[in-house]
C-alpha cells in the first residue's frame, strides 16, 4: 500500500497541458501515477490543465486521451468520464480560482506587481542553474508609487510569503527543505493579462479534488514548497509528492513537445507496441528490475516504485524509435 496523508485513500492524478502531442517524458509521469493508483487500489484522475490559453488546443486534448487509452493507462475519473469533483478542465474552473484569490486577499497576503518581463529576467538566479527568486520590489512600493505604476500598466498579483521554512519528504528525492523568503520568494498567482497562474490553479485543483498523491517531473520539485504553503494558507492538506526524473536528449536537455520523433503517436506509426514503450520506460527509470516486455497489468505487480531513479534518463537508452 502507498502511505497517504492522514490515512486517506489514494487519489492520484495525471494533469497534462494540451499544448502538444504526448511525448515520452509525459508518459513516464503518467505511468508512475497510474501504477501508484493500481498498486494501492486507489483512484487515478485525468485532469486537463489548459490554463495556457495561448497554446492549448482541443485537438491535443483528444490526442492525449487517445494516446493514454492506446497505451493502456486508463483513468477512473476526469476527462470524458466525469466524477464527483468536476469540472476536470481548468478553463471551466476560473470561478474557483477567483474565490481562492478572494480568500488570500482577506488574509492580506496579496499585492500588485508592475515589473516587466525584461526586469524579471534580470532579477535573482545570479548563478547558472539556480532558481530565480523575486526580489520583492513591488511589495515595498508606497501607496503613491503603486498608484503611479497602475496608471501606466496593469499589474500581476503576487503572494507575500512569510519568513517560514517548509519541509517535506519527496517519495523519490527524499527530505526537502526550503526557506520561503530566500529560496522561493513572492510568486505570482495571477498574470497581468488576467489569467490565473499555474501555482494557484494547481493548488486549488488538487485541494478541491481531494488529491492525496502528486506525481510529476523533477523540474517542478523547486515549486513544491511554495505550493505546500499556499495550500495550507487556503485551508487544505497538502498531498504526498513523488517527482520523477526527466528524459533528456544527447545534449542533456529535457524533452519538449516541440521535438520530433519522440511522441507516442510517432512511435505508434513506426510500429511500436504500447507494452514496449511502457516497459522500456519502467526499466530505464529503475522500477522494473530487468528489461523485458510486459503488459500494463503485468507491470503493476513487477514494478517497485521505491526503486525509481533520481538521475535523469537519456532517451537514447530506451532503444525506442528510429
Foldseek 3Di string as FASTA:
>chain_A
DDDFVVRDAAEEEQEDELQFFAFLQSVLLLLVRLLVCVLRVGFYEYAYEPLVVVRHDPVSVVRNVVLCVQLVSDGDAAPPRHDDQDDRYLVVCVVLLVVLVVLLVVVVFKDWDLDDPVVQVVAAPPDPPADGADPCVRVPDDPVRVVVSVVPAQTFMWGADDQDKFWAQALAPGIDIDGCCPRPYIDTQAGSVGRGDPLSSVLSSCFSVVHAEYEEAPVCPSVPRVSCVSNVSSPGHDHHYYHAAFEAEPVRHGDDSPDPFGGSVNLVVVVDHSQLSSQLSQVQQQQQVDRDGDRSVVCSVRGDVSRGHDYHGYPVSSVGTD
